[in-house]
């Protein structure tokens, strides 16, 4: 008898296909499990790193071991810490900007003072009748003594309201430009022998 074979699969072929199909599915499932395990390990490692890095997550349980925190707690504390760091960075940037402005101001003042000193030195070199520093101080001291005596006699310190009112009255009476000019002329006349 002639046995006729079909050109397509037989029972033997079917069993080979099933084995190879199962092994492909098994391999695929195993690859998926390995990838999933790597993903879980990476997440676990990330949470452990966060717990080590974030100061508020690195709490001890009182016995000396690290306290076990939930993932949600670790995330919340990490968010809080990042927000705190952002605020600190903003404050430091503002302080840095203020310091830069101060440096610029100080550089401008330095240049101005250098110009004043240079001008003063040039003027003093050309002036034969220069006034001594002691004489200048004596004029300044006499003016300040006069203003202090007026302040001391006219300002009362019984209450803040009374003090404020007295200070404003004293400023109005003794510190107007024409009054200060008169005082300076009088003091210069007395101490330096200048004519008014």
C-alpha atoms as a PDB file:
ATOM      1  CA  UNK A   1       0.000   0.000   0.000  1.00  0.00           C
ATOM      2  CA  UNK A   2       1.069   3.312  -0.873  1.00  0.00           C
ATOM      3  CA  UNK A   3       0.744   5.734   1.922  1.00  0.00           C
ATOM      4  CA  UNK A   4      -0.092   9.141   0.903  1.00  0.00           C
ATOM      5  CA  UNK A   5       1.568  12.001   2.801  1.00  0.00           C
ATOM      6  CA  UNK A   6       0.016  15.312   2.995  1.00  0.00           C
ATOM      7  CA  UNK A   7       2.243  18.157   2.004  1.00  0.00           C
ATOM      8  CA  UNK A   8       1.355  19.971   5.204  1.00  0.00           C
ATOM      9  CA  UNK A   9       1.955  19.079   8.828  1.00  0.00           C
ATOM     10  CA  UNK A  10       1.626  15.680  10.356  1.00  0.00           C
ATOM     11  CA  UNK A  11       1.146  14.634  13.947  1.00  0.00           C
ATOM     12  CA  UNK A  12       4.898  14.439  14.395  1.00  0.00           C
ATOM     13  CA  UNK A  13       5.330  17.914  12.957  1.00  0.00           C
ATOM     14  CA  UNK A  14       2.541  19.197  15.174  1.00  0.00           C
ATOM     15  CA  UNK A  15       4.261  17.996  18.307  1.00  0.00           C
ATOM     16  CA  UNK A  16       7.529  19.669  17.189  1.00  0.00           C
ATOM     17  CA  UNK A  17       5.676  22.921  16.527  1.00  0.00           C
ATOM     18  CA  UNK A  18       4.001  22.759  19.956  1.00  0.00           C
ATOM     19  CA  UNK A  19       7.348  22.238  21.687  1.00  0.00           C
ATOM     20  CA  UNK A  20       8.995  25.066  19.804  1.00  0.00           C
ATOM     21  CA  UNK A  21       5.946  27.325  20.388  1.00  0.00           C
ATOM     22  CA  UNK A  22       5.933  26.560  24.098  1.00  0.00           C
ATOM     23  CA  UNK A  23       9.609  27.193  24.403  1.00  0.00           C
ATOM     24  CA  UNK A  24       9.202  30.536  22.574  1.00  0.00           C
ATOM     25  CA  UNK A  25       6.345  31.503  24.916  1.00  0.00           C
ATOM     26  CA  UNK A  26       8.353  30.359  27.911  1.00  0.00           C
ATOM     27  CA  UNK A  27      11.355  32.326  26.762  1.00  0.00           C
ATOM     28  CA  UNK A  28       9.242  35.381  26.173  1.00  0.00           C
ATOM     29  CA  UNK A  29       7.606  35.065  29.604  1.00  0.00           C
ATOM     30  CA  UNK A  30      10.986  34.606  31.274  1.00  0.00           C
ATOM     31  CA  UNK A  31      12.392  37.652  29.466  1.00  0.00           C
ATOM     32  CA  UNK A  32       9.384  39.661  30.615  1.00  0.00           C
ATOM     33  CA  UNK A  33       9.838  38.452  34.205  1.00  0.00           C
ATOM     34  CA  UNK A  34      13.537  39.365  34.133  1.00  0.00           C
ATOM     35  CA  UNK A  35      12.764  42.821  32.731  1.00  0.00           C
ATOM     36  CA  UNK A  36      10.022  43.318  35.326  1.00  0.00           C
ATOM     37  CA  UNK A  37      12.375  42.262  38.126  1.00  0.00           C
ATOM     38  CA  UNK A  38      15.026  44.715  36.888  1.00  0.00           C
ATOM     39  CA  UNK A  39      12.417  47.466  36.817  1.00  0.00           C
ATOM     40  CA  UNK A  40      11.296  46.660  40.383  1.00  0.00           C
ATOM     41  CA  UNK A  41      14.919  46.498  41.571  1.00  0.00           C
ATOM     42  CA  UNK A  42      15.612  49.882  39.964  1.00  0.00           C
ATOM     43  CA  UNK A  43      12.556  51.413  41.662  1.00  0.00           C
ATOM     44  CA  UNK A  44      13.503  49.871  45.029  1.00  0.00           C
ATOM     45  CA  UNK A  45      17.071  51.103  44.617  1.00  0.00           C
ATOM     46  CA  UNK A  46      15.782  54.582  43.739  1.00  0.00           C
ATOM     47  CA  UNK A  47      13.632  54.723  46.876  1.00  0.00           C
ATOM     48  CA  UNK A  48      16.576  53.544  48.992  1.00  0.00           C
ATOM     49  CA  UNK A  49      18.798  56.244  47.475  1.00  0.00           C
ATOM     50  CA  UNK A  50      16.137  58.887  48.131  1.00  0.00           C
ATOM     51  CA  UNK A  51      15.848  57.722  51.728  1.00  0.00           C
ATOM     52  CA  UNK A  52      19.651  57.998  52.125  1.00  0.00           C
ATOM     53  CA  UNK A  53      19.960  61.389  50.382  1.00  0.00           C
ATOM     54  CA  UNK A  54      16.961  63.304  51.750  1.00  0.00           C
ATOM     55  CA  UNK A  55      17.735  64.390  55.332  1.00  0.00           C
ATOM     56  CA  UNK A  56      14.140  64.159  56.546  1.00  0.00           C
ATOM     57  CA  UNK A  57      13.953  60.550  55.316  1.00  0.00           C
ATOM     58  CA  UNK A  58      17.080  59.478  57.191  1.00  0.00           C
ATOM     59  CA  UNK A  59      15.421  59.112  60.560  1.00  0.00           C
ATOM     60  CA  UNK A  60      16.372  56.452  63.055  1.00  0.00           C
ATOM     61  CA  UNK A  61      13.946  54.294  64.927  1.00  0.00           C
ATOM     62  CA  UNK A  62      15.510  55.064  68.323  1.00  0.00           C
ATOM     63  CA  UNK A  63      17.405  51.779  68.496  1.00  0.00           C
ATOM     64  CA  UNK A  64      20.038  52.899  66.041  1.00  0.00           C
ATOM     65  CA  UNK A  65      18.543  51.458  62.875  1.00  0.00           C
ATOM     66  CA  UNK A  66      16.955  53.344  60.037  1.00  0.00           C
ATOM     67  CA  UNK A  67      13.209  53.742  60.263  1.00  0.00           C
ATOM     68  CA  UNK A  68      11.290  52.000  57.478  1.00  0.00           C
ATOM     69  CA  UNK A  69       9.234  54.580  55.594  1.00  0.00           C
ATOM     70  CA  UNK A  70       6.528  53.931  53.065  1.00  0.00           C
ATOM     71  CA  UNK A  71       7.174  54.820  49.440  1.00  0.00           C
ATOM     72  CA  UNK A  72       4.521  57.531  49.589  1.00  0.00           C
ATOM     73  CA  UNK A  73       6.205  59.089  52.646  1.00  0.00           C
ATOM     74  CA  UNK A  74       9.600  58.990  50.945  1.00  0.00           C
ATOM     75  CA  UNK A  75       8.149  60.713  47.867  1.00  0.00           C
ATOM     76  CA  UNK A  76       6.359  63.394  49.906  1.00  0.00           C
ATOM     77  CA  UNK A  77       9.442  64.131  52.014  1.00  0.00           C
ATOM     78  CA  UNK A  78      11.561  64.241  48.857  1.00  0.00           C
ATOM     79  CA  UNK A  79       9.162  66.725  47.233  1.00  0.00           C
ATOM     80  CA  UNK A  80       9.212  68.889  50.382  1.00  0.00           C
ATOM     81  CA  UNK A  81      13.012  68.801  50.449  1.00  0.00           C
ATOM     82  CA  UNK A  82      13.321  69.723  46.756  1.00  0.00           C
ATOM     83  CA  UNK A  83      10.923  72.645  47.303  1.00  0.00           C
ATOM     84  CA  UNK A  84      12.989  73.743  50.318  1.00  0.00           C
ATOM     85  CA  UNK A  85      16.178  73.576  48.225  1.00  0.00           C
ATOM     86  CA  UNK A  86      14.547  75.611  45.453  1.00  0.00           C
ATOM     87  CA  UNK A  87      13.540  78.319  47.958  1.00  0.00           C
ATOM     88  CA  UNK A  88      17.054  78.330  49.427  1.00  0.00           C
ATOM     89  CA  UNK A  89      18.534  78.647  45.943  1.00  0.00           C
ATOM     90  CA  UNK A  90      16.205  81.575  45.212  1.00  0.00           C
ATOM     91  CA  UNK A  91      17.224  83.287  48.470  1.00  0.00           C
ATOM     92  CA  UNK A  92      20.898  82.761  47.714  1.00  0.00           C
ATOM     93  CA  UNK A  93      20.446  84.157  44.208  1.00  0.00           C
ATOM     94  CA  UNK A  94      18.749  87.242  45.670  1.00  0.00           C
ATOM     95  CA  UNK A  95      21.555  87.632  48.233  1.00  0.00           C
ATOM     96  CA  UNK A  96      24.136  87.249  45.477  1.00  0.00           C
ATOM     97  CA  UNK A  97      22.388  89.930  43.432  1.00  0.00           C
ATOM     98  CA  UNK A  98      22.318  92.245  46.462  1.00  0.00           C
ATOM     99  CA  UNK A  99      26.020  91.631  47.036  1.00  0.00           C
ATOM    100  CA  UNK A 100      26.766  92.375  43.385  1.00  0.00           C
ATOM    101  CA  UNK A 101      24.880  95.665  43.687  1.00  0.00           C
ATOM    102  CA  UNK A 102      26.816  96.499  46.853  1.00  0.00           C
ATOM    103  CA  UNK A 103      30.105  95.757  45.106  1.00  0.00           C
ATOM    104  CA  UNK A 104      29.154  98.065  42.243  1.00  0.00           C
ATOM    105  CA  UNK A 105      28.133 100.782  44.733  1.00  0.00           C
ATOM    106  CA  UNK A 106      31.380 100.396  46.651  1.00  0.00           C
ATOM    107  CA  UNK A 107      33.407 100.580  43.438  1.00  0.00           C
ATOM    108  CA  UNK A 108      31.602 103.804  42.479  1.00  0.00           C
ATOM    109  CA  UNK A 109      32.207 105.215  45.975  1.00  0.00           C
ATOM    110  CA  UNK A 110      35.878 104.217  45.790  1.00  0.00           C
ATOM    111  CA  UNK A 111      36.313 106.023  42.477  1.00  0.00           C
ATOM    112  CA  UNK A 112      34.505 109.075  43.875  1.00  0.00           C
ATOM    113  CA  UNK A 113      36.647 109.159  47.009  1.00  0.00           C
ATOM    114  CA  UNK A 114      39.810 108.720  44.977  1.00  0.00           C
ATOM    115  CA  UNK A 115      38.762 111.706  42.853  1.00  0.00           C
ATOM    116  CA  UNK A 116      37.993 113.756  45.978  1.00  0.00           C
ATOM    117  CA  UNK A 117      41.371 112.884  47.493  1.00  0.00           C
ATOM    118  CA  UNK A 118      43.129 113.735  44.256  1.00  0.00           C
ATOM    119  CA  UNK A 119      41.289 117.050  44.013  1.00  0.00           C
ATOM    120  CA  UNK A 120      42.035 117.805  47.663  1.00  0.00           C
ATOM    121  CA  UNK A 121      45.715 116.994  47.202  1.00  0.00           C
ATOM    122  CA  UNK A 122      45.898 119.189  44.126  1.00  0.00           C
ATOM    123  CA  UNK A 123      44.117 122.031  45.936  1.00  0.00           C
ATOM    124  CA  UNK A 124      46.281 121.701  49.045  1.00  0.00           C
ATOM    125  CA  UNK A 125      49.441 121.716  46.953  1.00  0.00           C
ATOM    126  CA  UNK A 126      48.399 125.069  45.456  1.00  0.00           C
ATOM    127  CA  UNK A 127      47.108 126.643  48.674  1.00  0.00           C
ATOM    128  CA  UNK A 128      49.618 128.404  50.908  1.00  0.00           C
ATOM    129  CA  UNK A 129      47.149 129.269  53.661  1.00  0.00           C
ATOM    130  CA  UNK A 130      45.838 125.731  54.248  1.00  0.00           C
ATOM    131  CA  UNK A 131      43.735 125.198  57.359  1.00  0.00           C
ATOM    132  CA  UNK A 132      45.069 122.580  59.729  1.00  0.00           C
ATOM    133  CA  UNK A 133      43.062 119.474  60.577  1.00  0.00           C
ATOM    134  CA  UNK A 134      43.031 120.542  64.214  1.00  0.00           C
ATOM    135  CA  UNK A 135      41.388 123.862  63.322  1.00  0.00           C
ATOM    136  CA  UNK A 136      38.807 122.069  61.152  1.00  0.00           C
ATOM    137  CA  UNK A 137      38.033 119.683  64.015  1.00  0.00           C
ATOM    138  CA  UNK A 138      37.681 122.593  66.434  1.00  0.00           C
ATOM    139  CA  UNK A 139      35.114 124.247  64.114  1.00  0.00           C
ATOM    140  CA  UNK A 140      33.225 120.964  63.716  1.00  0.00           C
ATOM    141  CA  UNK A 141      33.284 120.312  67.484  1.00  0.00           C
ATOM    142  CA  UNK A 142      31.994 123.799  68.306  1.00  0.00           C
ATOM    143  CA  UNK A 143      29.123 123.473  65.793  1.00  0.00           C
ATOM    144  CA  UNK A 144      28.163 120.014  67.112  1.00  0.00           C
ATOM    145  CA  UNK A 145      28.375 121.160  70.760  1.00  0.00           C
ATOM    146  CA  UNK A 146      26.043 124.046  70.001  1.00  0.00           C
ATOM    147  CA  UNK A 147      23.546 121.753  68.249  1.00  0.00           C
ATOM    148  CA  UNK A 148      23.760 119.154  71.021  1.00  0.00           C
ATOM    149  CA  UNK A 149      23.121 121.759  73.753  1.00  0.00           C
ATOM    150  CA  UNK A 150      20.019 122.945  71.879  1.00  0.00           C
ATOM    151  CA  UNK A 151      18.884 119.344  71.392  1.00  0.00           C
ATOM    152  CA  UNK A 152      19.517 118.432  75.020  1.00  0.00           C
ATOM    153  CA  UNK A 153      17.577 121.394  76.357  1.00  0.00           C
ATOM    154  CA  UNK A 154      14.692 121.180  73.876  1.00  0.00           C
ATOM    155  CA  UNK A 155      13.973 117.426  73.575  1.00  0.00           C
ATOM    156  CA  UNK A 156      12.177 115.438  76.289  1.00  0.00           C
ATOM    157  CA  UNK A 157      12.330 111.647  76.618  1.00  0.00           C
ATOM    158  CA  UNK A 158       9.233 110.979  78.769  1.00  0.00           C
ATOM    159  CA  UNK A 159       7.355 109.114  76.014  1.00  0.00           C
ATOM    160  CA  UNK A 160       7.889 108.203  72.418  1.00  0.00           C
ATOM    161  CA  UNK A 161       5.155 110.561  71.222  1.00  0.00           C
ATOM    162  CA  UNK A 162       6.618 113.476  73.198  1.00  0.00           C
ATOM    163  CA  UNK A 163      10.124 112.586  72.009  1.00  0.00           C
ATOM    164  CA  UNK A 164       8.996 112.459  68.355  1.00  0.00           C
ATOM    165  CA  UNK A 165       7.251 115.812  68.609  1.00  0.00           C
ATOM    166  CA  UNK A 166      10.246 117.440  70.306  1.00  0.00           C
ATOM    167  CA  UNK A 167      12.666 116.067  67.702  1.00  0.00           C
ATOM    168  CA  UNK A 168      10.577 117.422  64.842  1.00  0.00           C
ATOM    169  CA  UNK A 169      10.290 120.818  66.538  1.00  0.00           C
ATOM    170  CA  UNK A 170      14.058 120.874  67.176  1.00  0.00           C
ATOM    171  CA  UNK A 171      14.786 119.982  63.542  1.00  0.00           C
ATOM    172  CA  UNK A 172      12.452 122.724  62.324  1.00  0.00           C
ATOM    173  CA  UNK A 173      13.994 125.313  64.638  1.00  0.00           C
ATOM    174  CA  UNK A 174      17.705 124.496  64.527  1.00  0.00           C
ATOM    175  CA  UNK A 175      18.412 122.549  61.339  1.00  0.00           C
ATOM    176  CA  UNK A 176      17.012 124.736  58.608  1.00  0.00           C
ATOM    177  CA  UNK A 177      19.689 125.715  56.084  1.00  0.00           C
ATOM    178  CA  UNK A 178      19.691 129.434  56.978  1.00  0.00           C
ATOM    179  CA  UNK A 179      19.984 128.632  60.724  1.00  0.00           C
ATOM    180  CA  UNK A 180      22.871 126.224  60.083  1.00  0.00           C
ATOM    181  CA  UNK A 181      24.576 128.815  57.871  1.00  0.00           C
ATOM    182  CA  UNK A 182      24.273 131.439  60.625  1.00  0.00           C
ATOM    183  CA  UNK A 183      25.672 128.997  63.176  1.00  0.00           C
ATOM    184  CA  UNK A 184      28.602 128.058  60.938  1.00  0.00           C
ATOM    185  CA  UNK A 185      29.421 131.718  60.231  1.00  0.00           C
ATOM    186  CA  UNK A 186      29.262 132.578  63.940  1.00  0.00           C
ATOM    187  CA  UNK A 187      31.513 129.610  64.883  1.00  0.00           C
ATOM    188  CA  UNK A 188      33.985 130.408  62.084  1.00  0.00           C
ATOM    189  CA  UNK A 189      34.085 134.023  63.259  1.00  0.00           C
ATOM    190  CA  UNK A 190      34.809 132.938  66.822  1.00  0.00           C
ATOM    191  CA  UNK A 191      37.303 130.124  66.225  1.00  0.00           C
ATOM    192  CA  UNK A 192      39.060 131.197  63.032  1.00  0.00           C
ATOM    193  CA  UNK A 193      38.789 134.973  63.320  1.00  0.00           C
ATOM    194  CA  UNK A 194      36.862 135.220  60.021  1.00  0.00           C
ATOM    195  CA  UNK A 195      34.621 138.148  59.346  1.00  0.00           C
ATOM    196  CA  UNK A 196      31.010 137.322  58.745  1.00  0.00           C
END
